[in-house]
Amino acid sequence: MMYLSEEKETLIRYDELDKCWYFESNVRKHINKILKLESYFETITKEVEGGKIISVSAKLSDLDNYSVHPFVRIKRKLSQSEKTRLTRHFQSENSQKCPENRTKFKTINIQ
């Protein structure tokens, strides 16, 4: 059964006894993120409906190689000039690393 908006949630839980993190989500954005990193997890259980994954549960036990930072952080707010400066910085940094890509970059407006 598809989940209603008020039923959607993502849970991230650390188990001290198992020394591992458990992730459960039926939020599309979080499902995609977990599936993108699928190889990091020891196990992943997928709930499929109509050919679409509507929920996932995952266990991360390799804490020597992976970490989880679920705590609140202050969001960095940038002025338009700071956004432009950072865009140019990353473009020039990338073009120095990959000279063949120099002409492929376009200025983008970061909101």
PDB file of N, CA and C in Angstrom:
ATOM      1  N   MET A   1       0.843  -1.172   0.000  1.00  0.00           N
ATOM      2  CA  MET A   1       0.000   0.000   0.000  1.00  0.00           C
ATOM      3  C   MET A   1       0.894   1.242   0.000  1.00  0.00           C
ATOM      4  N   MET A   2       0.620   2.158  -0.890  1.00  0.00           N
ATOM      5  CA  MET A   2       1.369   3.415  -0.927  1.00  0.00           C
ATOM      6  C   MET A   2       1.111   4.175   0.375  1.00  0.00           C
ATOM      7  N   TYR A   3       2.113   4.910   0.809  1.00  0.00           N
ATOM      8  CA  TYR A   3       1.991   5.648   2.055  1.00  0.00           C
ATOM      9  C   TYR A   3       1.430   7.043   1.808  1.00  0.00           C
ATOM     10  N   LEU A   4       0.534   7.483   2.668  1.00  0.00           N
ATOM     11  CA  LEU A   4       0.012   8.848   2.609  1.00  0.00           C
ATOM     12  C   LEU A   4       1.075   9.797   3.145  1.00  0.00           C
ATOM     13  N   SER A   5       0.975  11.072   2.776  1.00  0.00           N
ATOM     14  CA  SER A   5       1.970  12.063   3.213  1.00  0.00           C
ATOM     15  C   SER A   5       2.143  12.081   4.727  1.00  0.00           C
ATOM     16  N   GLU A   6       1.034  11.986   5.457  1.00  0.00           N
ATOM     17  CA  GLU A   6       1.129  12.041   6.922  1.00  0.00           C
ATOM     18  C   GLU A   6       1.719  10.763   7.521  1.00  0.00           C
ATOM     19  N   GLU A   7       1.850   9.715   6.726  1.00  0.00           N
ATOM     20  CA  GLU A   7       2.437   8.460   7.192  1.00  0.00           C
ATOM     21  C   GLU A   7       3.924   8.341   6.865  1.00  0.00           C
ATOM     22  N   LYS A   8       4.434   9.234   6.050  1.00  0.00           N
ATOM     23  CA  LYS A   8       5.826   9.124   5.608  1.00  0.00           C
ATOM     24  C   LYS A   8       6.782   9.581   6.698  1.00  0.00           C
ATOM     25  N   GLU A   9       7.856   8.797   6.858  1.00  0.00           N
ATOM     26  CA  GLU A   9       8.859   9.139   7.863  1.00  0.00           C
ATOM     27  C   GLU A   9      10.164   8.422   7.555  1.00  0.00           C
ATOM     28  N   THR A  10      11.227   8.954   8.123  1.00  0.00           N
ATOM     29  CA  THR A  10      12.541   8.326   8.048  1.00  0.00           C
ATOM     30  C   THR A  10      13.059   8.203   9.468  1.00  0.00           C
ATOM     31  N   LEU A  11      13.486   7.012   9.829  1.00  0.00           N
ATOM     32  CA  LEU A  11      14.031   6.764  11.162  1.00  0.00           C
ATOM     33  C   LEU A  11      15.480   6.318  11.024  1.00  0.00           C
ATOM     34  N   ILE A  12      16.344   6.928  11.818  1.00  0.00           N
ATOM     35  CA  ILE A  12      17.748   6.524  11.875  1.00  0.00           C
ATOM     36  C   ILE A  12      18.032   6.222  13.338  1.00  0.00           C
ATOM     37  N   ARG A  13      18.457   4.999  13.608  1.00  0.00           N
ATOM     38  CA  ARG A  13      18.606   4.544  14.989  1.00  0.00           C
ATOM     39  C   ARG A  13      19.955   3.858  15.163  1.00  0.00           C
ATOM     40  N   TYR A  14      20.619   4.175  16.272  1.00  0.00           N
ATOM     41  CA  TYR A  14      21.875   3.501  16.604  1.00  0.00           C
ATOM     42  C   TYR A  14      21.612   2.480  17.698  1.00  0.00           C
ATOM     43  N   ASP A  15      22.094   1.273  17.508  1.00  0.00           N
ATOM     44  CA  ASP A  15      21.946   0.213  18.499  1.00  0.00           C
ATOM     45  C   ASP A  15      23.298  -0.013  19.163  1.00  0.00           C
ATOM     46  N   GLU A  16      23.380   0.320  20.426  1.00  0.00           N
ATOM     47  CA  GLU A  16      24.635   0.219  21.180  1.00  0.00           C
ATOM     48  C   GLU A  16      25.104  -1.231  21.313  1.00  0.00           C
ATOM     49  N   LEU A  17      24.173  -2.157  21.484  1.00  0.00           N
ATOM     50  CA  LEU A  17      24.554  -3.566  21.633  1.00  0.00           C
ATOM     51  C   LEU A  17      25.126  -4.139  20.338  1.00  0.00           C
ATOM     52  N   ASP A  18      24.474  -3.855  19.222  1.00  0.00           N
ATOM     53  CA  ASP A  18      24.940  -4.352  17.916  1.00  0.00           C
ATOM     54  C   ASP A  18      26.070  -3.508  17.338  1.00  0.00           C
ATOM     55  N   LYS A  19      26.229  -2.292  17.853  1.00  0.00           N
ATOM     56  CA  LYS A  19      27.215  -1.332  17.320  1.00  0.00           C
ATOM     57  C   LYS A  19      26.981  -1.101  15.822  1.00  0.00           C
ATOM     58  N   CYS A  20      25.721  -0.787  15.492  1.00  0.00           N
ATOM     59  CA  CYS A  20      25.396  -0.503  14.095  1.00  0.00           C
ATOM     60  C   CYS A  20      24.221   0.476  14.012  1.00  0.00           C
ATOM     61  N   TRP A  21      24.068   1.061  12.833  1.00  0.00           N
ATOM     62  CA  TRP A  21      22.992   2.006  12.551  1.00  0.00           C
ATOM     63  C   TRP A  21      21.907   1.302  11.748  1.00  0.00           C
ATOM     64  N   TYR A  22      20.657   1.625  12.060  1.00  0.00           N
ATOM     65  CA  TYR A  22      19.514   1.108  11.319  1.00  0.00           C
ATOM     66  C   TYR A  22      18.776   2.280  10.676  1.00  0.00           C
ATOM     67  N   PHE A  23      18.454   2.140   9.407  1.00  0.00           N
ATOM     68  CA  PHE A  23      17.727   3.158   8.658  1.00  0.00           C
ATOM     69  C   PHE A  23      16.414   2.550   8.182  1.00  0.00           C
ATOM     70  N   GLU A  24      15.333   3.290   8.341  1.00  0.00           N
ATOM     71  CA  GLU A  24      14.034   2.880   7.808  1.00  0.00           C
ATOM     72  C   GLU A  24      13.400   4.114   7.196  1.00  0.00           C
ATOM     73  N   SER A  25      12.918   3.991   5.971  1.00  0.00           N
ATOM     74  CA  SER A  25      12.315   5.152   5.328  1.00  0.00           C
ATOM     75  C   SER A  25      11.279   4.759   4.296  1.00  0.00           C
ATOM     76  N   ASN A  26      10.233   5.585   4.224  1.00  0.00           N
ATOM     77  CA  ASN A  26       9.273   5.497   3.130  1.00  0.00           C
ATOM     78  C   ASN A  26       9.141   6.871   2.464  1.00  0.00           C
ATOM     79  N   VAL A  27      10.165   7.705   2.640  1.00  0.00           N
ATOM     80  CA  VAL A  27      10.243   9.025   2.008  1.00  0.00           C
ATOM     81  C   VAL A  27      11.089   8.872   0.742  1.00  0.00           C
ATOM     82  N   ARG A  28      10.532   9.211  -0.408  1.00  0.00           N
ATOM     83  CA  ARG A  28      11.181   8.975  -1.702  1.00  0.00           C
ATOM     84  C   ARG A  28      12.616   9.484  -1.751  1.00  0.00           C
ATOM     85  N   LYS A  29      12.857  10.714  -1.311  1.00  0.00           N
ATOM     86  CA  LYS A  29      14.201  11.304  -1.357  1.00  0.00           C
ATOM     87  C   LYS A  29      15.197  10.462  -0.548  1.00  0.00           C
ATOM     88  N   HIS A  30      14.774   9.988   0.607  1.00  0.00           N
ATOM     89  CA  HIS A  30      15.650   9.204   1.473  1.00  0.00           C
ATOM     90  C   HIS A  30      15.827   7.774   0.947  1.00  0.00           C
ATOM     91  N   ILE A  31      14.781   7.227   0.356  1.00  0.00           N
ATOM     92  CA  ILE A  31      14.896   5.902  -0.268  1.00  0.00           C
ATOM     93  C   ILE A  31      15.953   5.955  -1.369  1.00  0.00           C
ATOM     94  N   ASN A  32      15.875   6.983  -2.209  1.00  0.00           N
ATOM     95  CA  ASN A  32      16.848   7.128  -3.302  1.00  0.00           C
ATOM     96  C   ASN A  32      18.267   7.240  -2.770  1.00  0.00           C
ATOM     97  N   LYS A  33      18.442   8.007  -1.696  1.00  0.00           N
ATOM     98  CA  LYS A  33      19.772   8.192  -1.103  1.00  0.00           C
ATOM     99  C   LYS A  33      20.310   6.859  -0.580  1.00  0.00           C
ATOM    100  N   ILE A  34      19.484   6.120   0.134  1.00  0.00           N
ATOM    101  CA  ILE A  34      19.903   4.824   0.683  1.00  0.00           C
ATOM    102  C   ILE A  34      20.247   3.852  -0.448  1.00  0.00           C
ATOM    103  N   LEU A  35      19.421   3.814  -1.478  1.00  0.00           N
ATOM    104  CA  LEU A  35      19.674   2.900  -2.602  1.00  0.00           C
ATOM    105  C   LEU A  35      20.926   3.290  -3.376  1.00  0.00           C
ATOM    106  N   LYS A  36      21.202   4.574  -3.443  1.00  0.00           N
ATOM    107  CA  LYS A  36      22.407   5.056  -4.126  1.00  0.00           C
ATOM    108  C   LYS A  36      23.665   4.559  -3.401  1.00  0.00           C
ATOM    109  N   LEU A  37      23.562   4.404  -2.082  1.00  0.00           N
ATOM    110  CA  LEU A  37      24.685   3.968  -1.250  1.00  0.00           C
ATOM    111  C   LEU A  37      24.538   2.499  -0.835  1.00  0.00           C
ATOM    112  N   GLU A  38      23.793   1.747  -1.603  1.00  0.00           N
ATOM    113  CA  GLU A  38      23.425   0.372  -1.241  1.00  0.00           C
ATOM    114  C   GLU A  38      24.613  -0.509  -0.866  1.00  0.00           C
ATOM    115  N   SER A  39      25.732  -0.346  -1.523  1.00  0.00           N
ATOM    116  CA  SER A  39      26.895  -1.201  -1.251  1.00  0.00           C
ATOM    117  C   SER A  39      27.500  -0.955   0.137  1.00  0.00           C
ATOM    118  N   TYR A  40      27.155   0.156   0.777  1.00  0.00           N
ATOM    119  CA  TYR A  40      27.689   0.471   2.105  1.00  0.00           C
ATOM    120  C   TYR A  40      27.031  -0.371   3.199  1.00  0.00           C
ATOM    121  N   PHE A  41      25.820  -0.835   2.945  1.00  0.00           N
ATOM    122  CA  PHE A  41      25.018  -1.482   3.975  1.00  0.00           C
ATOM    123  C   PHE A  41      25.208  -2.996   3.986  1.00  0.00           C
ATOM    124  N   GLU A  42      25.142  -3.545   5.191  1.00  0.00           N
ATOM    125  CA  GLU A  42      25.222  -5.000   5.354  1.00  0.00           C
ATOM    126  C   GLU A  42      23.972  -5.660   4.781  1.00  0.00           C
ATOM    127  N   THR A  43      22.815  -5.095   5.104  1.00  0.00           N
ATOM    128  CA  THR A  43      21.554  -5.622   4.577  1.00  0.00           C
ATOM    129  C   THR A  43      20.638  -4.471   4.175  1.00  0.00           C
ATOM    130  N   ILE A  44      19.832  -4.714   3.159  1.00  0.00           N
ATOM    131  CA  ILE A  44      18.779  -3.774   2.759  1.00  0.00           C
ATOM    132  C   ILE A  44      17.542  -4.600   2.434  1.00  0.00           C
ATOM    133  N   THR A  45      16.421  -4.203   3.024  1.00  0.00           N
ATOM    134  CA  THR A  45      15.144  -4.834   2.735  1.00  0.00           C
ATOM    135  C   THR A  45      14.285  -3.801   2.018  1.00  0.00           C
ATOM    136  N   LYS A  46      13.718  -4.192   0.884  1.00  0.00           N
ATOM    137  CA  LYS A  46      12.920  -3.270   0.075  1.00  0.00           C
ATOM    138  C   LYS A  46      11.469  -3.729   0.051  1.00  0.00           C
ATOM    139  N   GLU A  47      10.557  -2.785   0.226  1.00  0.00           N
ATOM    140  CA  GLU A  47       9.129  -3.065   0.072  1.00  0.00           C
ATOM    141  C   GLU A  47       8.731  -2.538  -1.306  1.00  0.00           C
ATOM    142  N   VAL A  48       8.264  -3.431  -2.158  1.00  0.00           N
ATOM    143  CA  VAL A  48       7.943  -3.074  -3.545  1.00  0.00           C
ATOM    144  C   VAL A  48       6.438  -3.176  -3.766  1.00  0.00           C
ATOM    145  N   GLU A  49       5.901  -2.173  -4.461  1.00  0.00           N
ATOM    146  CA  GLU A  49       4.483  -2.188  -4.831  1.00  0.00           C
ATOM    147  C   GLU A  49       4.347  -1.649  -6.245  1.00  0.00           C
ATOM    148  N   GLY A  50       3.721  -2.391  -7.093  1.00  0.00           N
ATOM    149  CA  GLY A  50       3.539  -1.952  -8.475  1.00  0.00           C
ATOM    150  C   GLY A  50       4.847  -1.701  -9.199  1.00  0.00           C
ATOM    151  N   GLY A  51       5.879  -2.463  -8.856  1.00  0.00           N
ATOM    152  CA  GLY A  51       7.179  -2.305  -9.496  1.00  0.00           C
ATOM    153  C   GLY A  51       8.013  -1.163  -8.947  1.00  0.00           C
ATOM    154  N   LYS A  52       7.501  -0.449  -7.944  1.00  0.00           N
ATOM    155  CA  LYS A  52       8.239   0.670  -7.346  1.00  0.00           C
ATOM    156  C   LYS A  52       8.591   0.354  -5.899  1.00  0.00           C
ATOM    157  N   ILE A  53       9.772   0.770  -5.497  1.00  0.00           N
ATOM    158  CA  ILE A  53      10.185   0.600  -4.104  1.00  0.00           C
ATOM    159  C   ILE A  53       9.522   1.709  -3.296  1.00  0.00           C
ATOM    160  N   ILE A  54       8.707   1.320  -2.317  1.00  0.00           N
ATOM    161  CA  ILE A  54       7.984   2.321  -1.531  1.00  0.00           C
ATOM    162  C   ILE A  54       8.525   2.448  -0.108  1.00  0.00           C
ATOM    163  N   SER A  55       9.435   1.546   0.278  1.00  0.00           N
ATOM    164  CA  SER A  55       9.992   1.585   1.625  1.00  0.00           C
ATOM    165  C   SER A  55      11.289   0.775   1.655  1.00  0.00           C
ATOM    166  N   VAL A  56      12.238   1.220   2.476  1.00  0.00           N
ATOM    167  CA  VAL A  56      13.480   0.462   2.657  1.00  0.00           C
ATOM    168  C   VAL A  56      13.854   0.406   4.131  1.00  0.00           C
ATOM    169  N   SER A  57      14.534  -0.668   4.492  1.00  0.00           N
ATOM    170  CA  SER A  57      15.157  -0.821   5.809  1.00  0.00           C
ATOM    171  C   SER A  57      16.588  -1.258   5.538  1.00  0.00           C
ATOM    172  N   ALA A  58      17.541  -0.631   6.224  1.00  0.00           N
ATOM    173  CA  ALA A  58      18.948  -0.949   5.973  1.00  0.00           C
ATOM    174  C   ALA A  58      19.722  -0.985   7.281  1.00  0.00           C
ATOM    175  N   LYS A  59      20.791  -1.796   7.282  1.00  0.00           N
ATOM    176  CA  LYS A  59      21.652  -1.930   8.458  1.00  0.00           C
ATOM    177  C   LYS A  59      23.082  -1.593   8.050  1.00  0.00           C
ATOM    178  N   LEU A  60      23.676  -0.625   8.755  1.00  0.00           N
ATOM    179  CA  LEU A  60      25.066  -0.234   8.517  1.00  0.00           C
ATOM    180  C   LEU A  60      25.889  -0.678   9.718  1.00  0.00           C
ATOM    181  N   SER A  61      26.752  -1.674   9.509  1.00  0.00           N
ATOM    182  CA  SER A  61      27.544  -2.189  10.627  1.00  0.00           C
ATOM    183  C   SER A  61      29.040  -1.954  10.458  1.00  0.00           C
ATOM    184  N   ASP A  62      29.482  -1.542   9.281  1.00  0.00           N
ATOM    185  CA  ASP A  62      30.907  -1.299   9.025  1.00  0.00           C
ATOM    186  C   ASP A  62      31.267   0.128   9.457  1.00  0.00           C
ATOM    187  N   LEU A  63      31.351   0.333  10.768  1.00  0.00           N
ATOM    188  CA  LEU A  63      31.608   1.676  11.295  1.00  0.00           C
ATOM    189  C   LEU A  63      33.084   2.052  11.248  1.00  0.00           C
ATOM    190  N   ASP A  64      33.945   1.122  10.855  1.00  0.00           N
ATOM    191  CA  ASP A  64      35.358   1.449  10.655  1.00  0.00           C
ATOM    192  C   ASP A  64      35.549   2.248   9.371  1.00  0.00           C
ATOM    193  N   ASN A  65      34.685   2.013   8.391  1.00  0.00           N
ATOM    194  CA  ASN A  65      34.819   2.678   7.094  1.00  0.00           C
ATOM    195  C   ASN A  65      33.747   3.724   6.810  1.00  0.00           C
ATOM    196  N   TYR A  66      32.637   3.698   7.552  1.00  0.00           N
ATOM    197  CA  TYR A  66      31.535   4.628   7.305  1.00  0.00           C
ATOM    198  C   TYR A  66      31.085   5.270   8.609  1.00  0.00           C
ATOM    199  N   SER A  67      30.605   6.502   8.512  1.00  0.00           N
ATOM    200  CA  SER A  67      30.073   7.185   9.689  1.00  0.00           C
ATOM    201  C   SER A  67      28.725   7.799   9.342  1.00  0.00           C
ATOM    202  N   VAL A  68      27.957   8.121  10.359  1.00  0.00           N
ATOM    203  CA  VAL A  68      26.632   8.716  10.195  1.00  0.00           C
ATOM    204  C   VAL A  68      26.599   9.975  11.046  1.00  0.00           C
ATOM    205  N   HIS A  69      26.098  11.058  10.459  1.00  0.00           N
ATOM    206  CA  HIS A  69      26.001  12.333  11.179  1.00  0.00           C
ATOM    207  C   HIS A  69      24.566  12.844  11.113  1.00  0.00           C
ATOM    208  N   PRO A  70      23.681  12.279  11.926  1.00  0.00           N
ATOM    209  CA  PRO A  70      22.274  12.677  11.829  1.00  0.00           C
ATOM    210  C   PRO A  70      21.892  13.896  12.667  1.00  0.00           C
ATOM    211  N   PHE A  71      22.853  14.580  13.266  1.00  0.00           N
ATOM    212  CA  PHE A  71      22.500  15.671  14.158  1.00  0.00           C
ATOM    213  C   PHE A  71      22.301  16.984  13.423  1.00  0.00           C
ATOM    214  N   VAL A  72      21.561  17.871  14.035  1.00  0.00           N
ATOM    215  CA  VAL A  72      21.208  19.160  13.440  1.00  0.00           C
ATOM    216  C   VAL A  72      22.436  20.046  13.317  1.00  0.00           C
ATOM    217  N   ARG A  73      22.550  20.691  12.174  1.00  0.00           N
ATOM    218  CA  ARG A  73      23.609  21.672  11.948  1.00  0.00           C
ATOM    219  C   ARG A  73      22.973  22.959  11.460  1.00  0.00           C
ATOM    220  N   ILE A  74      23.626  24.069  11.722  1.00  0.00           N
ATOM    221  CA  ILE A  74      23.149  25.350  11.228  1.00  0.00           C
ATOM    222  C   ILE A  74      23.382  25.395   9.728  1.00  0.00           C
ATOM    223  N   LYS A  75      22.356  25.762   8.985  1.00  0.00           N
ATOM    224  CA  LYS A  75      22.455  25.827   7.534  1.00  0.00           C
ATOM    225  C   LYS A  75      23.216  27.086   7.138  1.00  0.00           C
ATOM    226  N   ARG A  76      24.166  26.911   6.261  1.00  0.00           N
ATOM    227  CA  ARG A  76      24.981  28.034   5.806  1.00  0.00           C
ATOM    228  C   ARG A  76      24.173  28.872   4.822  1.00  0.00           C
ATOM    229  N   LYS A  77      24.074  30.172   5.096  1.00  0.00           N
ATOM    230  CA  LYS A  77      23.347  31.074   4.217  1.00  0.00           C
ATOM    231  C   LYS A  77      24.351  31.918   3.449  1.00  0.00           C
ATOM    232  N   LEU A  78      24.224  31.922   2.130  1.00  0.00           N
ATOM    233  CA  LEU A  78      25.153  32.648   1.276  1.00  0.00           C
ATOM    234  C   LEU A  78      24.438  33.778   0.551  1.00  0.00           C
ATOM    235  N   SER A  79      25.135  34.891   0.414  1.00  0.00           N
ATOM    236  CA  SER A  79      24.607  35.980  -0.406  1.00  0.00           C
ATOM    237  C   SER A  79      24.791  35.589  -1.871  1.00  0.00           C
ATOM    238  N   GLN A  80      24.158  36.333  -2.764  1.00  0.00           N
ATOM    239  CA  GLN A  80      24.288  36.033  -4.193  1.00  0.00           C
ATOM    240  C   GLN A  80      25.736  36.165  -4.647  1.00  0.00           C
ATOM    241  N   SER A  81      26.459  37.160  -4.118  1.00  0.00           N
ATOM    242  CA  SER A  81      27.862  37.340  -4.521  1.00  0.00           C
ATOM    243  C   SER A  81      28.730  36.182  -4.019  1.00  0.00           C
ATOM    244  N   GLU A  82      28.441  35.668  -2.821  1.00  0.00           N
ATOM    245  CA  GLU A  82      29.187  34.512  -2.306  1.00  0.00           C
ATOM    246  C   GLU A  82      28.911  33.266  -3.155  1.00  0.00           C
ATOM    247  N   LYS A  83      27.655  33.087  -3.563  1.00  0.00           N
ATOM    248  CA  LYS A  83      27.299  31.947  -4.416  1.00  0.00           C
ATOM    249  C   LYS A  83      28.037  32.022  -5.744  1.00  0.00           C
ATOM    250  N   THR A  84      28.072  33.220  -6.327  1.00  0.00           N
ATOM    251  CA  THR A  84      28.758  33.420  -7.605  1.00  0.00           C
ATOM    252  C   THR A  84      30.248  33.149  -7.456  1.00  0.00           C
ATOM    253  N   ARG A  85      30.838  33.668  -6.378  1.00  0.00           N
ATOM    254  CA  ARG A  85      32.266  33.468  -6.134  1.00  0.00           C
ATOM    255  C   ARG A  85      32.586  31.980  -5.980  1.00  0.00           C
ATOM    256  N   LEU A  86      31.783  31.258  -5.211  1.00  0.00           N
ATOM    257  CA  LEU A  86      32.010  29.821  -5.021  1.00  0.00           C
ATOM    258  C   LEU A  86      31.830  29.042  -6.328  1.00  0.00           C
ATOM    259  N   THR A  87      30.845  29.423  -7.111  1.00  0.00           N
ATOM    260  CA  THR A  87      30.628  28.765  -8.403  1.00  0.00           C
ATOM    261  C   THR A  87      31.858  28.920  -9.277  1.00  0.00           C
ATOM    262  N   ARG A  88      32.375  30.138  -9.358  1.00  0.00           N
ATOM    263  CA  ARG A  88      33.571  30.394 -10.174  1.00  0.00           C
ATOM    264  C   ARG A  88      34.778  29.635  -9.626  1.00  0.00           C
ATOM    265  N   HIS A  89      34.895  29.608  -8.301  1.00  0.00           N
ATOM    266  CA  HIS A  89      36.014  28.905  -7.669  1.00  0.00           C
ATOM    267  C   HIS A  89      36.004  27.420  -8.043  1.00  0.00           C
ATOM    268  N   PHE A  90      34.844  26.777  -7.906  1.00  0.00           N
ATOM    269  CA  PHE A  90      34.756  25.351  -8.203  1.00  0.00           C
ATOM    270  C   PHE A  90      34.926  25.072  -9.692  1.00  0.00           C
ATOM    271  N   GLN A  91      34.452  25.992 -10.525  1.00  0.00           N
ATOM    272  CA  GLN A  91      34.636  25.818 -11.970  1.00  0.00           C
ATOM    273  C   GLN A  91      36.115  25.868 -12.321  1.00  0.00           C
ATOM    274  N   SER A  92      36.828  26.851 -11.773  1.00  0.00           N
ATOM    275  CA  SER A  92      38.255  26.974 -12.102  1.00  0.00           C
ATOM    276  C   SER A  92      39.047  25.814 -11.502  1.00  0.00           C
ATOM    277  N   GLU A  93      38.669  25.391 -10.313  1.00  0.00           N
ATOM    278  CA  GLU A  93      39.334  24.247  -9.675  1.00  0.00           C
ATOM    279  C   GLU A  93      39.131  22.982 -10.509  1.00  0.00           C
ATOM    280  N   ASN A  94      37.923  22.783 -10.995  1.00  0.00           N
ATOM    281  CA  ASN A  94      37.615  21.614 -11.821  1.00  0.00           C
ATOM    282  C   ASN A  94      38.323  21.666 -13.159  1.00  0.00           C
ATOM    283  N   SER A  95      38.383  22.834 -13.765  1.00  0.00           N
ATOM    284  CA  SER A  95      39.018  22.931 -15.080  1.00  0.00           C
ATOM    285  C   SER A  95      40.524  22.720 -14.982  1.00  0.00           C
ATOM    286  N   GLN A  96      41.119  23.047 -13.830  1.00  0.00           N
ATOM    287  CA  GLN A  96      42.547  22.795 -13.637  1.00  0.00           C
ATOM    288  C   GLN A  96      42.808  21.301 -13.491  1.00  0.00           C
ATOM    289  N   LYS A  97      41.890  20.595 -12.841  1.00  0.00           N
ATOM    290  CA  LYS A  97      42.044  19.148 -12.663  1.00  0.00           C
ATOM    291  C   LYS A  97      41.779  18.403 -13.968  1.00  0.00           C
ATOM    292  N   CYS A  98      40.814  18.886 -14.739  1.00  0.00           N
ATOM    293  CA  CYS A  98      40.411  18.221 -15.985  1.00  0.00           C
ATOM    294  C   CYS A  98      40.400  19.246 -17.114  1.00  0.00           C
ATOM    295  N   PRO A  99      41.533  19.536 -17.715  1.00  0.00           N
ATOM    296  CA  PRO A  99      41.592  20.564 -18.757  1.00  0.00           C
ATOM    297  C   PRO A  99      40.646  20.314 -19.929  1.00  0.00           C
ATOM    298  N   GLU A 100      40.338  19.054 -20.223  1.00  0.00           N
ATOM    299  CA  GLU A 100      39.450  18.768 -21.350  1.00  0.00           C
ATOM    300  C   GLU A 100      38.019  19.224 -21.086  1.00  0.00           C
ATOM    301  N   ASN A 101      37.672  19.490 -19.808  1.00  0.00           N
ATOM    302  CA  ASN A 101      36.312  19.903 -19.456  1.00  0.00           C
ATOM    303  C   ASN A 101      36.156  21.414 -19.343  1.00  0.00           C
ATOM    304  N   ARG A 102      37.166  22.179 -19.630  1.00  0.00           N
ATOM    305  CA  ARG A 102      37.109  23.629 -19.441  1.00  0.00           C
ATOM    306  C   ARG A 102      35.926  24.281 -20.132  1.00  0.00           C
ATOM    307  N   THR A 103      35.646  23.908 -21.330  1.00  0.00           N
ATOM    308  CA  THR A 103      34.584  24.576 -22.080  1.00  0.00           C
ATOM    309  C   THR A 103      33.198  24.030 -21.757  1.00  0.00           C
ATOM    310  N   LYS A 104      33.106  22.979 -20.988  1.00  0.00           N
ATOM    311  CA  LYS A 104      31.815  22.365 -20.694  1.00  0.00           C
ATOM    312  C   LYS A 104      31.077  23.035 -19.538  1.00  0.00           C
ATOM    313  N   PHE A 105      31.753  23.897 -18.774  1.00  0.00           N
ATOM    314  CA  PHE A 105      31.118  24.512 -17.621  1.00  0.00           C
ATOM    315  C   PHE A 105      30.314  25.732 -18.023  1.00  0.00           C
ATOM    316  N   LYS A 106      29.175  25.891 -17.386  1.00  0.00           N
ATOM    317  CA  LYS A 106      28.343  27.065 -17.583  1.00  0.00           C
ATOM    318  C   LYS A 106      28.097  27.673 -16.216  1.00  0.00           C
ATOM    319  N   THR A 107      27.896  28.976 -16.173  1.00  0.00           N
ATOM    320  CA  THR A 107      27.561  29.624 -14.917  1.00  0.00           C
ATOM    321  C   THR A 107      26.136  29.242 -14.560  1.00  0.00           C
ATOM    322  N   ILE A 108      25.952  28.817 -13.324  1.00  0.00           N
ATOM    323  CA  ILE A 108      24.618  28.430 -12.885  1.00  0.00           C
ATOM    324  C   ILE A 108      24.182  29.342 -11.758  1.00  0.00           C
ATOM    325  N   ASN A 109      22.899  29.505 -11.621  1.00  0.00           N
ATOM    326  CA  ASN A 109      22.346  30.328 -10.560  1.00  0.00           C
ATOM    327  C   ASN A 109      21.956  29.408  -9.415  1.00  0.00           C
ATOM    328  N   ILE A 110      22.651  29.507  -8.296  1.00  0.00           N
ATOM    329  CA  ILE A 110      22.390  28.658  -7.137  1.00  0.00           C
ATOM    330  C   ILE A 110      21.383  29.365  -6.247  1.00  0.00           C
ATOM    331  N   GLN A 111      20.281  28.691  -5.990  1.00  0.00           N
ATOM    332  CA  GLN A 111      19.232  29.288  -5.155  1.00  0.00           C
ATOM    333  C   GLN A 111      19.418  28.913  -3.715  1.00  0.00           C
TER     334      GLN A 111
END
